[in-house]
N, C-alpha and C. Protein backbone atom coordinates (compact mmCIF):
# COMPACT_ATOMS: atom_id res chain seq x y z
N MET A 1 0.84 -1.18 0.00
CA MET A 1 0.00 0.00 0.00
C MET A 1 0.88 1.24 0.00
N THR A 2 0.60 2.15 -0.90
CA THR A 2 1.35 3.39 -0.99
C THR A 2 0.72 4.42 -0.06
N LEU A 3 1.53 5.12 0.69
CA LEU A 3 1.04 6.12 1.64
C LEU A 3 0.32 7.26 0.91
N ARG A 4 -0.70 7.80 1.56
CA ARG A 4 -1.54 8.82 0.95
C ARG A 4 -0.75 10.06 0.49
N HIS A 5 0.19 10.51 1.29
CA HIS A 5 0.93 11.71 0.89
C HIS A 5 1.73 11.47 -0.39
N ILE A 6 2.13 10.23 -0.64
CA ILE A 6 2.84 9.90 -1.87
C ILE A 6 1.87 9.90 -3.05
N THR A 7 0.70 9.28 -2.89
CA THR A 7 -0.27 9.24 -3.99
C THR A 7 -0.76 10.64 -4.32
N GLU A 8 -0.93 11.49 -3.30
CA GLU A 8 -1.36 12.87 -3.54
C GLU A 8 -0.27 13.65 -4.27
N LEU A 9 0.98 13.44 -3.90
CA LEU A 9 2.10 14.11 -4.56
C LEU A 9 2.14 13.74 -6.04
N TYR A 10 2.00 12.45 -6.34
CA TYR A 10 2.05 12.02 -7.74
C TYR A 10 0.86 12.54 -8.53
N ALA A 11 -0.31 12.61 -7.92
CA ALA A 11 -1.47 13.18 -8.60
C ALA A 11 -1.23 14.66 -8.90
N GLU A 12 -0.62 15.34 -7.97
CA GLU A 12 -0.30 16.76 -8.19
C GLU A 12 0.74 16.92 -9.28
N MET A 13 1.77 16.09 -9.27
CA MET A 13 2.83 16.17 -10.27
C MET A 13 2.32 15.86 -11.68
N ALA A 14 1.27 15.06 -11.77
CA ALA A 14 0.71 14.70 -13.08
C ALA A 14 -0.07 15.84 -13.71
N ASN A 15 -0.31 16.91 -12.94
CA ASN A 15 -1.02 18.08 -13.45
C ASN A 15 -2.36 17.67 -14.08
N LEU A 16 -3.15 16.94 -13.34
CA LEU A 16 -4.42 16.42 -13.83
C LEU A 16 -5.43 17.53 -14.07
N SER A 17 -6.27 17.32 -15.06
CA SER A 17 -7.40 18.21 -15.31
C SER A 17 -8.67 17.39 -15.18
N THR A 18 -9.80 18.01 -15.34
CA THR A 18 -11.07 17.29 -15.27
C THR A 18 -11.26 16.37 -16.47
N GLU A 19 -10.46 16.57 -17.51
CA GLU A 19 -10.55 15.74 -18.72
C GLU A 19 -9.52 14.61 -18.74
N SER A 20 -8.63 14.58 -17.77
CA SER A 20 -7.59 13.55 -17.73
C SER A 20 -8.21 12.17 -17.56
N VAL A 21 -7.55 11.17 -18.11
CA VAL A 21 -7.91 9.78 -17.89
C VAL A 21 -6.73 9.14 -17.18
N VAL A 22 -6.98 8.58 -16.02
CA VAL A 22 -5.93 7.99 -15.21
C VAL A 22 -6.00 6.47 -15.32
N LEU A 23 -4.91 5.87 -15.74
CA LEU A 23 -4.80 4.43 -15.87
C LEU A 23 -3.71 3.94 -14.93
N ASP A 24 -4.08 3.10 -13.99
CA ASP A 24 -3.12 2.50 -13.08
C ASP A 24 -3.06 1.02 -13.41
N THR A 25 -1.97 0.58 -14.01
CA THR A 25 -1.85 -0.79 -14.52
C THR A 25 -1.51 -1.82 -13.45
N CYS A 26 -1.30 -1.36 -12.25
CA CYS A 26 -1.04 -2.26 -11.12
C CYS A 26 -1.62 -1.57 -9.89
N CYS A 27 -2.95 -1.46 -9.86
CA CYS A 27 -3.62 -0.53 -8.96
C CYS A 27 -3.70 -0.95 -7.50
N GLY A 28 -3.47 -2.21 -7.20
CA GLY A 28 -3.48 -2.62 -5.80
C GLY A 28 -4.75 -2.20 -5.09
N THR A 29 -4.61 -1.42 -4.01
CA THR A 29 -5.76 -0.99 -3.22
C THR A 29 -6.43 0.26 -3.78
N GLY A 30 -5.91 0.81 -4.87
CA GLY A 30 -6.55 1.95 -5.53
C GLY A 30 -6.11 3.31 -5.04
N GLY A 31 -5.05 3.38 -4.27
CA GLY A 31 -4.60 4.64 -3.69
C GLY A 31 -4.34 5.75 -4.71
N PHE A 32 -3.66 5.42 -5.80
CA PHE A 32 -3.38 6.44 -6.81
C PHE A 32 -4.67 6.88 -7.51
N LEU A 33 -5.56 5.95 -7.77
CA LEU A 33 -6.83 6.30 -8.41
C LEU A 33 -7.68 7.19 -7.50
N ILE A 34 -7.68 6.90 -6.22
CA ILE A 34 -8.45 7.70 -5.26
C ILE A 34 -7.89 9.11 -5.18
N SER A 35 -6.58 9.25 -5.09
CA SER A 35 -5.98 10.58 -5.03
C SER A 35 -6.25 11.36 -6.31
N ALA A 36 -6.15 10.69 -7.44
CA ALA A 36 -6.44 11.34 -8.72
C ALA A 36 -7.90 11.78 -8.77
N MET A 37 -8.80 10.91 -8.33
CA MET A 37 -10.22 11.24 -8.34
C MET A 37 -10.49 12.47 -7.47
N HIS A 38 -9.94 12.52 -6.27
CA HIS A 38 -10.15 13.66 -5.39
C HIS A 38 -9.64 14.95 -6.01
N MET A 39 -8.47 14.90 -6.62
CA MET A 39 -7.91 16.10 -7.23
C MET A 39 -8.75 16.56 -8.41
N MET A 40 -9.18 15.64 -9.24
CA MET A 40 -9.98 16.00 -10.42
C MET A 40 -11.34 16.55 -10.00
N ILE A 41 -11.94 15.97 -8.98
CA ILE A 41 -13.24 16.46 -8.50
C ILE A 41 -13.08 17.85 -7.91
N LYS A 42 -12.00 18.08 -7.20
CA LYS A 42 -11.74 19.42 -6.65
C LYS A 42 -11.66 20.45 -7.77
N LYS A 43 -10.99 20.08 -8.85
CA LYS A 43 -10.86 20.99 -10.00
C LYS A 43 -12.18 21.20 -10.72
N ALA A 44 -13.09 20.24 -10.61
CA ALA A 44 -14.40 20.35 -11.27
C ALA A 44 -15.32 21.31 -10.53
N GLY A 45 -14.99 21.65 -9.31
CA GLY A 45 -15.83 22.57 -8.54
C GLY A 45 -17.20 21.97 -8.28
N ASN A 46 -18.23 22.73 -8.61
CA ASN A 46 -19.60 22.27 -8.39
C ASN A 46 -20.25 21.72 -9.66
N ASP A 47 -19.46 21.46 -10.68
CA ASP A 47 -20.00 20.95 -11.95
C ASP A 47 -20.31 19.46 -11.82
N THR A 48 -21.57 19.14 -11.53
CA THR A 48 -21.96 17.75 -11.27
C THR A 48 -21.79 16.86 -12.49
N GLU A 49 -21.96 17.39 -13.68
CA GLU A 49 -21.77 16.58 -14.89
C GLU A 49 -20.32 16.16 -15.04
N LYS A 50 -19.39 17.09 -14.82
CA LYS A 50 -17.97 16.75 -14.90
C LYS A 50 -17.59 15.74 -13.83
N ILE A 51 -18.11 15.93 -12.63
CA ILE A 51 -17.80 15.01 -11.53
C ILE A 51 -18.29 13.61 -11.86
N GLN A 52 -19.50 13.51 -12.39
CA GLN A 52 -20.04 12.20 -12.76
C GLN A 52 -19.20 11.54 -13.84
N LYS A 53 -18.77 12.33 -14.84
CA LYS A 53 -17.93 11.80 -15.92
C LYS A 53 -16.60 11.30 -15.37
N ILE A 54 -16.01 12.06 -14.47
CA ILE A 54 -14.74 11.65 -13.85
C ILE A 54 -14.92 10.31 -13.16
N LYS A 55 -15.95 10.19 -12.36
CA LYS A 55 -16.19 8.98 -11.58
C LYS A 55 -16.49 7.77 -12.46
N GLU A 56 -17.21 7.98 -13.54
CA GLU A 56 -17.65 6.85 -14.36
C GLU A 56 -16.67 6.45 -15.46
N ASN A 57 -15.88 7.42 -15.97
CA ASN A 57 -15.09 7.14 -17.17
C ASN A 57 -13.60 7.43 -17.09
N ASN A 58 -13.16 8.24 -16.16
CA ASN A 58 -11.79 8.75 -16.22
C ASN A 58 -10.82 8.06 -15.28
N LEU A 59 -11.25 7.03 -14.59
CA LEU A 59 -10.39 6.31 -13.65
C LEU A 59 -10.43 4.83 -13.98
N ILE A 60 -9.28 4.28 -14.37
CA ILE A 60 -9.21 2.89 -14.81
C ILE A 60 -8.06 2.20 -14.09
N GLY A 61 -8.33 1.03 -13.56
CA GLY A 61 -7.29 0.27 -12.88
C GLY A 61 -7.29 -1.18 -13.33
N VAL A 62 -6.12 -1.79 -13.26
CA VAL A 62 -5.97 -3.21 -13.55
C VAL A 62 -5.16 -3.81 -12.41
N GLU A 63 -5.61 -4.95 -11.92
CA GLU A 63 -4.88 -5.64 -10.85
C GLU A 63 -4.92 -7.14 -11.11
N GLN A 64 -3.78 -7.77 -10.98
CA GLN A 64 -3.67 -9.20 -11.27
C GLN A 64 -4.03 -10.07 -10.06
N ARG A 65 -3.72 -9.62 -8.87
CA ARG A 65 -3.99 -10.43 -7.67
C ARG A 65 -5.45 -10.29 -7.25
N PRO A 66 -6.18 -11.39 -7.14
CA PRO A 66 -7.60 -11.33 -6.77
C PRO A 66 -7.86 -10.64 -5.43
N ASP A 67 -7.01 -10.84 -4.43
CA ASP A 67 -7.23 -10.21 -3.13
C ASP A 67 -7.06 -8.70 -3.22
N MET A 68 -6.04 -8.25 -3.95
CA MET A 68 -5.83 -6.81 -4.11
C MET A 68 -6.91 -6.19 -5.00
N PHE A 69 -7.35 -6.92 -6.00
CA PHE A 69 -8.45 -6.47 -6.85
C PHE A 69 -9.69 -6.21 -6.00
N ALA A 70 -10.01 -7.13 -5.10
CA ALA A 70 -11.18 -6.97 -4.23
C ALA A 70 -11.02 -5.74 -3.35
N LEU A 71 -9.84 -5.54 -2.79
CA LEU A 71 -9.60 -4.36 -1.94
C LEU A 71 -9.70 -3.07 -2.74
N GLY A 72 -9.09 -3.05 -3.91
CA GLY A 72 -9.13 -1.85 -4.74
C GLY A 72 -10.54 -1.50 -5.19
N THR A 73 -11.29 -2.49 -5.60
CA THR A 73 -12.67 -2.27 -6.01
C THR A 73 -13.50 -1.75 -4.84
N ALA A 74 -13.36 -2.39 -3.69
CA ALA A 74 -14.10 -1.94 -2.51
C ALA A 74 -13.72 -0.52 -2.12
N ASN A 75 -12.44 -0.21 -2.17
CA ASN A 75 -11.97 1.14 -1.85
C ASN A 75 -12.60 2.18 -2.77
N MET A 76 -12.62 1.89 -4.05
CA MET A 76 -13.21 2.85 -4.99
C MET A 76 -14.72 2.99 -4.77
N ILE A 77 -15.40 1.89 -4.54
CA ILE A 77 -16.85 1.96 -4.31
C ILE A 77 -17.14 2.73 -3.02
N LEU A 78 -16.39 2.47 -1.97
CA LEU A 78 -16.62 3.17 -0.70
C LEU A 78 -16.35 4.67 -0.80
N ARG A 79 -15.53 5.06 -1.74
CA ARG A 79 -15.24 6.48 -1.93
C ARG A 79 -16.12 7.11 -3.01
N GLY A 80 -17.12 6.37 -3.44
CA GLY A 80 -18.15 6.91 -4.33
C GLY A 80 -17.69 7.18 -5.74
N ASP A 81 -16.90 6.28 -6.33
CA ASP A 81 -16.42 6.55 -7.69
C ASP A 81 -17.50 6.36 -8.75
N GLY A 82 -18.68 5.95 -8.36
CA GLY A 82 -19.78 5.88 -9.32
C GLY A 82 -19.86 4.56 -10.06
N LYS A 83 -18.77 4.13 -10.63
CA LYS A 83 -18.73 2.88 -11.38
C LYS A 83 -17.28 2.44 -11.37
N SER A 84 -17.01 1.37 -10.69
CA SER A 84 -15.62 0.95 -10.54
C SER A 84 -15.09 0.34 -11.83
N ASN A 85 -14.14 1.01 -12.44
CA ASN A 85 -13.49 0.53 -13.67
C ASN A 85 -12.17 -0.13 -13.32
N ILE A 86 -12.23 -1.09 -12.42
CA ILE A 86 -11.05 -1.85 -12.07
C ILE A 86 -11.24 -3.26 -12.61
N TYR A 87 -10.23 -3.74 -13.31
CA TYR A 87 -10.32 -5.03 -13.98
C TYR A 87 -9.34 -6.00 -13.36
N LEU A 88 -9.78 -7.22 -13.19
CA LEU A 88 -8.93 -8.29 -12.67
C LEU A 88 -8.24 -8.96 -13.85
N GLY A 89 -6.92 -8.93 -13.84
CA GLY A 89 -6.18 -9.59 -14.90
C GLY A 89 -4.82 -8.97 -15.13
N ASP A 90 -4.20 -9.39 -16.19
CA ASP A 90 -2.87 -8.96 -16.59
C ASP A 90 -2.98 -7.63 -17.33
N SER A 91 -2.25 -6.64 -16.89
CA SER A 91 -2.34 -5.31 -17.49
C SER A 91 -1.81 -5.27 -18.92
N PHE A 92 -1.14 -6.34 -19.37
CA PHE A 92 -0.64 -6.37 -20.73
C PHE A 92 -1.64 -6.95 -21.71
N LYS A 93 -2.80 -7.36 -21.21
CA LYS A 93 -3.84 -7.88 -22.10
C LYS A 93 -4.78 -6.75 -22.49
N LEU A 94 -5.45 -6.91 -23.61
CA LEU A 94 -6.41 -5.92 -24.05
C LEU A 94 -7.59 -5.88 -23.11
N LYS A 95 -8.23 -4.72 -23.00
CA LYS A 95 -9.39 -4.56 -22.13
C LYS A 95 -10.45 -5.61 -22.44
N SER A 96 -10.70 -5.90 -23.70
CA SER A 96 -11.73 -6.87 -24.06
C SER A 96 -11.43 -8.26 -23.52
N GLU A 97 -10.15 -8.56 -23.31
CA GLU A 97 -9.76 -9.86 -22.77
C GLU A 97 -9.96 -9.92 -21.26
N LEU A 98 -10.05 -8.76 -20.61
CA LEU A 98 -10.20 -8.73 -19.17
C LEU A 98 -11.65 -8.86 -18.75
N LEU A 99 -12.57 -8.57 -19.63
CA LEU A 99 -13.99 -8.58 -19.25
C LEU A 99 -14.55 -9.95 -19.16
């Protein structure tokens, strides 16, 4: 698990916008995705349409370990990401192969 101050630093360094798409190919518990989501939502202000789009479409994770996949998915759901786009499988496979 990556510490929150590290995930927040990396989200800040990435200079995310509300239109950014964040892909974490080894997402583990979802820490980087959560920090990115919080930063992007903050930048969206009160624009509920942008916030919904961020939650539903702009955060994607892949995790190979079933236990970490379960934790990452639960973490994202508990933080209200709207629709968890975390896939169980090898990050080198095509998205269609992960479904």
